[in-house]
Amino acid sequence: MTAGTLDERVAAAGAPRRLLIRPELGAVAGAVAVFAFFASQSATFRSAAGMANWLDPAATLGIMAVAIALLMIGGEFDLSAGVLTGTVGLVLVTLATRYGWSVWAAMLAALALALLVGFLNGLAVVRTRLPSFIVTLGTLLMLQGLNLGVTKALTGTVQVGGLRGAEGFEAARSALAGTFTVGGTEFRVAILWWIGVTALATWVLMRTRAGNWIFAVGGDAQAARAAGVPADRTKIALFMTTAVAAWLVGSILALRLTSVQANAGIGQEFVYIVAAVIGGCLLTGGYGSAVGAAIGALIFGMVDKGIVFAGWDADWFTFFLGGMLLLATLANRLVRRYAEEVRR
């Protein structure tokens, strides 16, 4: 960034312009349109019970989408994030059921493993300078093989279950996978975790030095290094952040279902990326927001359940997925161009 230019986050502009250059603007408009459409198709969709229904998948997706958004703003991708949620769940359930660990201790062990995977992903990217797409694709395949091979070796099947009887299960489930009641309607606790993760990520991005580093390394890593930004350390930290989010989501799902399939999480990594793109993240890095990614996940939840409530074939979901990705990418390009014009 040169002395004659300003980041659009701090450039002087009127209120309408500040609104128009927000990366999550397209996601907000999309969320309103999707809600209005499905609310007109189904009374259940717009009811409190319907809201609880579509907020549930949005919450776990949103936690991961926010972490992936941070990584994408930093200029990298993580294709291993989906399968890592399954790895975390398998480790948690296996240690608690086959080796007698308490659920809390098993969760800590799973967290340590997730952090190690994130650290190794980041280290490999910054040391080898290979594209993160390739590095994390390799990690995805290795974890997928380990999940299947180890699970079959230990159980003779592709599933590990029986978590309900483990020590500390009820307390852990209440904290991560329980419910709370609002106006007589039960909502998942995961929604609160989603809101908390989004708020924390937004604060980091917009109010801290680390947030400036993330935008800087995503915009131009070489220039960021020249300006004294610890680019390599920032990228490794972002991969580890994604791993922590995978640990949280994997733990939530394992505690909720009490069993984990060896193929859990496979394919979800693309959904996380699409949610982040719908939320305003550019594939080239340096631009996006945590709130936008959370709204992108909200759109997914509404479409996923709205199609069911409307009585349509669930196969139409993938059609909407592709359409939303294309529209969001075009909208993001227009918003970014306008933002660059504003700061000149």
Protein backbone atom coordinates (compact mmCIF):
# COMPACT_ATOMS: atom_id res chain seq x y z
CA MET A 1 0.00 0.00 0.00
CA THR A 2 1.48 3.35 -1.02
CA ALA A 3 1.36 6.58 0.90
CA GLY A 4 -1.08 8.06 -1.58
CA THR A 5 -3.75 5.39 -1.17
CA LEU A 6 -5.97 4.42 1.69
CA ASP A 7 -7.55 1.15 2.66
CA GLU A 8 -11.26 1.38 1.93
CA ARG A 9 -11.91 0.50 5.57
CA VAL A 10 -10.49 3.86 6.66
CA ALA A 11 -10.86 6.03 3.56
CA ALA A 12 -13.13 9.04 4.00
CA ALA A 13 -16.54 8.41 2.43
CA GLY A 14 -20.16 9.24 3.08
CA ALA A 15 -22.54 6.81 4.77
CA PRO A 16 -24.09 5.53 1.49
CA ARG A 17 -20.66 4.85 0.03
CA ARG A 18 -19.44 3.15 3.20
CA LEU A 19 -22.45 0.87 2.97
CA LEU A 20 -21.95 0.10 -0.72
CA ILE A 21 -18.31 -0.94 -0.30
CA ARG A 22 -19.01 -3.39 2.52
CA PRO A 23 -18.01 -6.91 1.36
CA GLU A 24 -21.05 -8.49 3.03
CA LEU A 25 -23.56 -6.25 1.22
CA GLY A 26 -24.35 -8.85 -1.44
CA ALA A 27 -24.80 -11.56 1.18
CA VAL A 28 -27.25 -9.41 3.16
CA ALA A 29 -29.29 -8.71 0.04
CA GLY A 30 -29.21 -12.40 -0.86
CA ALA A 31 -30.30 -13.46 2.64
CA VAL A 32 -33.26 -11.07 2.56
CA ALA A 33 -34.30 -12.31 -0.87
CA VAL A 34 -33.98 -16.00 0.08
CA PHE A 35 -35.93 -15.50 3.30
CA ALA A 36 -38.70 -13.57 1.54
CA PHE A 37 -38.97 -16.20 -1.18
CA PHE A 38 -39.22 -19.26 1.06
CA ALA A 39 -41.37 -17.44 3.62
CA SER A 40 -43.88 -16.86 0.84
CA GLN A 41 -43.78 -20.57 -0.04
CA SER A 42 -44.18 -22.01 3.46
CA ALA A 43 -45.71 -20.75 6.70
CA THR A 44 -43.58 -23.28 8.59
CA PHE A 45 -40.39 -21.74 7.22
CA ARG A 46 -41.14 -18.34 8.78
CA SER A 47 -42.33 -19.76 12.11
CA ALA A 48 -40.14 -19.95 15.21
CA ALA A 49 -39.87 -23.73 14.83
CA GLY A 50 -38.89 -23.32 11.19
CA MET A 51 -36.28 -20.74 12.13
CA ALA A 52 -34.76 -23.13 14.66
CA ASN A 53 -34.70 -25.77 11.95
CA TRP A 54 -32.74 -23.74 9.39
CA LEU A 55 -30.47 -22.02 11.92
CA ASP A 56 -29.19 -25.44 13.05
CA PRO A 57 -27.24 -26.40 9.88
CA ALA A 58 -26.28 -22.76 9.35
CA ALA A 59 -24.58 -22.68 12.77
CA THR A 60 -22.05 -25.48 12.28
CA LEU A 61 -21.45 -24.41 8.67
CA GLY A 62 -21.09 -20.81 9.83
CA ILE A 63 -18.39 -21.58 12.38
CA MET A 64 -16.27 -23.17 9.67
CA ALA A 65 -17.16 -20.57 7.04
CA VAL A 66 -15.95 -17.74 9.30
CA ALA A 67 -12.60 -19.46 9.90
CA ILE A 68 -12.22 -20.24 6.20
CA ALA A 69 -13.05 -16.60 5.42
CA LEU A 70 -10.18 -15.42 7.61
CA LEU A 71 -7.85 -17.79 5.79
CA MET A 72 -9.11 -16.67 2.38
CA ILE A 73 -8.68 -13.01 3.30
CA GLY A 74 -5.12 -14.01 4.17
CA GLY A 75 -4.74 -15.36 0.62
CA GLU A 76 -4.89 -19.12 1.29
CA PHE A 77 -7.27 -22.10 1.10
CA ASP A 78 -7.74 -25.18 3.26
CA LEU A 79 -9.28 -28.17 1.51
CA SER A 80 -8.60 -30.43 4.51
CA ALA A 81 -10.98 -28.57 6.84
CA GLY A 82 -14.00 -30.76 6.09
CA VAL A 83 -12.33 -34.12 6.61
CA LEU A 84 -10.56 -32.74 9.71
CA THR A 85 -13.94 -32.33 11.40
CA GLY A 86 -14.43 -36.06 10.90
CA THR A 87 -10.94 -36.83 12.20
CA VAL A 88 -11.64 -34.84 15.35
CA GLY A 89 -14.89 -36.67 15.93
CA LEU A 90 -13.29 -40.08 15.40
CA VAL A 91 -10.47 -39.31 17.85
CA LEU A 92 -12.91 -37.98 20.44
CA VAL A 93 -15.28 -40.96 20.27
CA THR A 94 -12.49 -43.56 20.03
CA LEU A 95 -10.56 -42.29 23.06
CA ALA A 96 -13.72 -41.95 25.13
CA THR A 97 -15.29 -45.29 24.27
CA ARG A 98 -12.44 -47.70 23.57
CA TYR A 99 -9.79 -46.35 25.95
CA GLY A 100 -11.92 -45.04 28.81
CA TRP A 101 -10.91 -41.38 28.59
CA SER A 102 -13.30 -38.75 29.85
CA VAL A 103 -14.98 -36.78 27.08
CA TRP A 104 -13.19 -33.59 28.14
CA ALA A 105 -9.75 -35.23 28.03
CA ALA A 106 -10.56 -36.78 24.66
CA MET A 107 -11.62 -33.36 23.37
CA LEU A 108 -8.30 -31.85 24.48
CA ALA A 109 -6.39 -34.62 22.71
CA ALA A 110 -8.45 -34.03 19.57
CA LEU A 111 -7.73 -30.29 19.83
CA ALA A 112 -3.99 -30.97 20.07
CA LEU A 113 -4.17 -33.14 16.95
CA ALA A 114 -6.18 -30.51 15.06
CA LEU A 115 -3.68 -27.79 15.99
CA LEU A 116 -0.83 -30.00 14.82
CA VAL A 117 -2.52 -30.56 11.45
CA GLY A 118 -3.16 -26.84 11.07
CA PHE A 119 0.42 -26.01 12.02
CA LEU A 120 1.85 -28.54 9.55
CA ASN A 121 -0.41 -27.25 6.77
CA GLY A 122 0.72 -23.69 7.40
CA LEU A 123 4.37 -24.62 7.77
CA ALA A 124 4.34 -26.60 4.53
CA VAL A 125 2.76 -23.68 2.67
CA VAL A 126 5.17 -21.00 3.91
CA ARG A 127 8.31 -23.15 3.68
CA THR A 128 7.74 -24.80 0.30
CA ARG A 129 5.81 -21.90 -1.30
CA LEU A 130 3.55 -24.49 -2.85
CA PRO A 131 -0.07 -23.40 -3.41
CA SER A 132 -2.16 -24.07 -0.32
CA PHE A 133 -4.68 -25.74 -2.62
CA ILE A 134 -2.14 -28.49 -3.33
CA VAL A 135 -0.78 -28.79 0.21
CA THR A 136 -4.18 -29.11 1.85
CA LEU A 137 -5.49 -31.40 -0.88
CA GLY A 138 -2.67 -33.75 0.07
CA THR A 139 -3.63 -33.42 3.74
CA LEU A 140 -7.26 -34.13 2.86
CA LEU A 141 -6.35 -37.36 1.11
CA MET A 142 -4.02 -38.50 3.90
CA LEU A 143 -6.59 -37.79 6.61
CA GLN A 144 -9.29 -39.50 4.58
CA GLY A 145 -7.15 -42.62 4.33
CA LEU A 146 -6.22 -42.54 8.02
CA ASN A 147 -9.83 -42.07 9.09
CA LEU A 148 -10.98 -45.08 7.12
CA GLY A 149 -7.97 -47.33 7.74
CA VAL A 150 -7.64 -46.75 11.48
CA THR A 151 -11.38 -46.95 12.10
CA LYS A 152 -11.66 -50.27 10.26
CA ALA A 153 -8.59 -51.63 12.04
CA LEU A 154 -9.99 -50.76 15.48
CA THR A 155 -13.65 -51.61 15.02
CA GLY A 156 -13.90 -53.78 11.90
CA THR A 157 -16.45 -51.28 10.58
CA VAL A 158 -16.42 -47.72 9.25
CA GLN A 159 -18.10 -46.24 12.33
CA VAL A 160 -17.23 -45.54 15.95
CA GLY A 161 -20.12 -45.13 18.40
CA GLY A 162 -21.25 -45.46 22.00
CA LEU A 163 -20.22 -42.00 23.21
CA ARG A 164 -23.36 -41.54 25.30
CA GLY A 165 -22.07 -43.69 28.14
CA ALA A 166 -18.67 -42.01 28.43
CA GLU A 167 -17.59 -40.02 31.47
CA GLY A 168 -18.42 -36.32 31.17
CA PHE A 169 -20.67 -36.83 28.15
CA GLU A 170 -23.75 -35.05 29.48
CA ALA A 171 -21.86 -31.95 30.60
CA ALA A 172 -19.93 -31.71 27.35
CA ARG A 173 -23.06 -32.23 25.29
CA SER A 174 -24.94 -29.52 27.19
CA ALA A 175 -22.10 -27.06 26.59
CA LEU A 176 -21.53 -27.75 22.91
CA ALA A 177 -24.48 -29.68 21.49
CA GLY A 178 -27.36 -28.93 23.84
CA THR A 179 -30.38 -26.68 23.38
CA PHE A 180 -31.83 -23.53 24.88
CA THR A 181 -35.41 -22.30 24.82
CA VAL A 182 -36.70 -18.96 23.54
CA GLY A 183 -40.43 -18.32 23.59
CA GLY A 184 -41.20 -22.00 23.93
CA THR A 185 -39.03 -23.00 20.94
CA GLU A 186 -35.82 -24.96 21.33
CA PHE A 187 -32.70 -23.74 19.55
CA ARG A 188 -29.30 -25.43 19.34
CA VAL A 189 -26.46 -24.13 21.52
CA ALA A 190 -24.29 -24.28 18.40
CA ILE A 191 -26.05 -21.10 17.26
CA LEU A 192 -24.53 -19.24 20.22
CA TRP A 193 -21.09 -20.62 19.38
CA TRP A 194 -21.58 -19.44 15.79
CA ILE A 195 -22.48 -15.93 16.93
CA GLY A 196 -19.54 -15.86 19.34
CA VAL A 197 -17.03 -17.04 16.72
CA THR A 198 -18.34 -14.47 14.22
CA ALA A 199 -18.11 -11.64 16.76
CA LEU A 200 -14.58 -12.63 17.79
CA ALA A 201 -13.38 -12.94 14.20
CA THR A 202 -14.91 -9.57 13.30
CA TRP A 203 -13.20 -7.90 16.23
CA VAL A 204 -9.85 -9.42 15.27
CA LEU A 205 -10.20 -8.35 11.63
CA MET A 206 -11.38 -4.81 12.24
CA ARG A 207 -9.90 -3.79 15.60
CA THR A 208 -6.53 -5.48 16.03
CA ARG A 209 -3.06 -5.44 14.53
CA ALA A 210 -3.47 -9.10 13.64
CA GLY A 211 -6.45 -8.16 11.48
CA ASN A 212 -4.34 -5.63 9.59
CA TRP A 213 -1.72 -8.33 9.06
CA ILE A 214 -4.34 -10.70 7.65
CA PHE A 215 -5.53 -8.15 5.09
CA ALA A 216 -1.95 -7.20 4.26
CA VAL A 217 -0.64 -10.72 3.58
CA GLY A 218 -3.73 -11.53 1.54
CA GLY A 219 -3.43 -8.40 -0.55
CA ASP A 220 0.31 -8.60 -1.24
CA ALA A 221 2.46 -10.90 0.86
CA GLN A 222 5.75 -9.55 -0.49
CA ALA A 223 4.82 -5.94 0.22
CA ALA A 224 3.59 -6.96 3.66
CA ARG A 225 6.94 -8.60 4.46
CA ALA A 226 8.76 -5.49 3.27
CA ALA A 227 6.60 -3.42 5.63
CA GLY A 228 7.56 -5.60 8.59
CA VAL A 229 4.45 -7.81 8.75
CA PRO A 230 5.23 -11.35 10.01
CA ALA A 231 3.60 -12.89 6.94
CA ASP A 232 4.67 -16.50 7.51
CA ARG A 233 3.63 -16.47 11.16
CA THR A 234 0.29 -14.91 10.22
CA LYS A 235 -0.45 -17.57 7.61
CA ILE A 236 0.44 -20.41 9.97
CA ALA A 237 -1.80 -18.90 12.65
CA LEU A 238 -4.66 -18.73 10.14
CA PHE A 239 -4.31 -22.42 9.27
CA MET A 240 -4.30 -23.24 12.98
CA THR A 241 -7.41 -21.09 13.45
CA THR A 242 -9.17 -23.11 10.77
CA ALA A 243 -8.10 -26.29 12.57
CA VAL A 244 -9.57 -25.01 15.86
CA ALA A 245 -12.87 -24.31 14.09
CA ALA A 246 -12.80 -27.85 12.64
CA TRP A 247 -12.21 -29.19 16.16
CA LEU A 248 -15.18 -27.23 17.51
CA VAL A 249 -17.53 -28.35 14.73
CA GLY A 250 -16.29 -31.96 14.86
CA SER A 251 -16.82 -32.05 18.62
CA ILE A 252 -20.31 -30.55 18.34
CA LEU A 253 -21.37 -33.12 15.73
CA ALA A 254 -19.82 -36.07 17.60
CA LEU A 255 -21.54 -35.08 20.86
CA ARG A 256 -24.84 -34.55 19.07
CA LEU A 257 -24.81 -37.82 17.12
CA THR A 258 -22.81 -39.90 19.70
CA SER A 259 -21.17 -41.73 16.78
CA VAL A 260 -18.97 -40.80 13.82
CA GLN A 261 -18.62 -42.30 10.36
CA ALA A 262 -15.12 -42.63 8.90
CA ASN A 263 -16.16 -40.57 5.87
CA ALA A 264 -17.60 -37.70 7.93
CA GLY A 265 -16.88 -34.22 6.60
CA ILE A 266 -15.70 -35.28 3.15
CA GLY A 267 -16.89 -32.77 0.55
CA GLN A 268 -17.82 -30.09 3.08
CA GLU A 269 -14.66 -28.10 2.41
CA PHE A 270 -16.14 -26.77 -0.82
CA VAL A 271 -19.33 -25.73 0.97
CA TYR A 272 -17.27 -23.73 3.47
CA ILE A 273 -15.43 -21.94 0.66
CA VAL A 274 -18.65 -21.22 -1.23
CA ALA A 275 -20.25 -19.78 1.92
CA ALA A 276 -17.23 -17.50 2.40
CA VAL A 277 -17.38 -16.37 -1.26
CA ILE A 278 -21.11 -15.68 -0.99
CA GLY A 279 -20.23 -13.62 2.08
CA GLY A 280 -17.91 -11.36 0.10
CA CYS A 281 -14.48 -13.02 0.19
CA LEU A 282 -12.41 -12.78 -2.97
CA LEU A 283 -10.65 -15.90 -4.23
CA THR A 284 -7.54 -13.76 -4.73
CA GLY A 285 -7.36 -12.76 -1.04
CA GLY A 286 -7.10 -9.44 0.77
CA TYR A 287 -10.83 -8.73 0.92
CA GLY A 288 -13.84 -10.08 2.79
CA SER A 289 -15.49 -10.20 6.19
CA ALA A 290 -16.40 -12.65 8.93
CA VAL A 291 -19.96 -11.33 9.12
CA GLY A 292 -20.37 -11.91 5.40
CA ALA A 293 -19.24 -15.53 5.72
CA ALA A 294 -21.71 -16.03 8.58
CA ILE A 295 -24.50 -14.63 6.41
CA GLY A 296 -23.38 -16.89 3.57
CA ALA A 297 -23.84 -19.85 5.91
CA LEU A 298 -27.25 -18.49 6.90
CA ILE A 299 -28.29 -18.47 3.24
CA PHE A 300 -27.21 -22.10 2.97
CA GLY A 301 -29.29 -23.05 5.99
CA MET A 302 -32.35 -21.26 4.66
CA VAL A 303 -32.07 -22.81 1.20
CA ASP A 304 -31.33 -26.28 2.58
CA LYS A 305 -34.44 -26.37 4.76
CA GLY A 306 -36.55 -24.00 2.66
CA ILE A 307 -36.54 -26.42 -0.25
CA VAL A 308 -37.86 -29.14 2.06
CA PHE A 309 -40.51 -26.90 3.62
CA ALA A 310 -41.64 -25.84 0.14
CA GLY A 311 -42.11 -29.49 -0.80
CA TRP A 312 -39.49 -29.51 -3.55
CA ASP A 313 -37.03 -32.23 -4.44
CA ALA A 314 -33.93 -31.80 -2.25
CA ASP A 315 -31.71 -32.31 -5.31
CA TRP A 316 -32.46 -28.71 -6.27
CA PHE A 317 -30.16 -27.59 -3.45
CA THR A 318 -27.03 -28.12 -5.56
CA PHE A 319 -28.57 -26.04 -8.35
CA PHE A 320 -29.08 -23.16 -5.91
CA LEU A 321 -25.55 -23.72 -4.61
CA GLY A 322 -24.00 -23.24 -8.04
CA GLY A 323 -26.20 -20.27 -8.87
CA MET A 324 -25.41 -18.51 -5.60
CA LEU A 325 -21.68 -19.05 -6.13
CA LEU A 326 -21.72 -17.48 -9.61
CA LEU A 327 -23.89 -14.54 -8.57
CA ALA A 328 -21.82 -13.91 -5.46
CA THR A 329 -18.54 -13.96 -7.40
CA LEU A 330 -19.87 -11.41 -9.88
CA ALA A 331 -21.27 -9.22 -7.11
CA ASN A 332 -18.00 -9.36 -5.18
CA ARG A 333 -16.06 -8.23 -8.24
CA LEU A 334 -18.36 -5.23 -8.72
CA VAL A 335 -18.22 -4.25 -5.04
CA ARG A 336 -14.43 -4.53 -5.00
CA ARG A 337 -14.08 -2.37 -8.09
CA TYR A 338 -16.30 0.27 -6.55
CA ALA A 339 -14.31 0.11 -3.30
CA GLU A 340 -11.08 0.70 -5.23
CA GLU A 341 -12.62 3.69 -6.97
CA VAL A 342 -13.72 5.17 -3.64
CA ARG A 343 -10.22 5.07 -2.14
CA ARG A 344 -8.53 6.78 -5.13
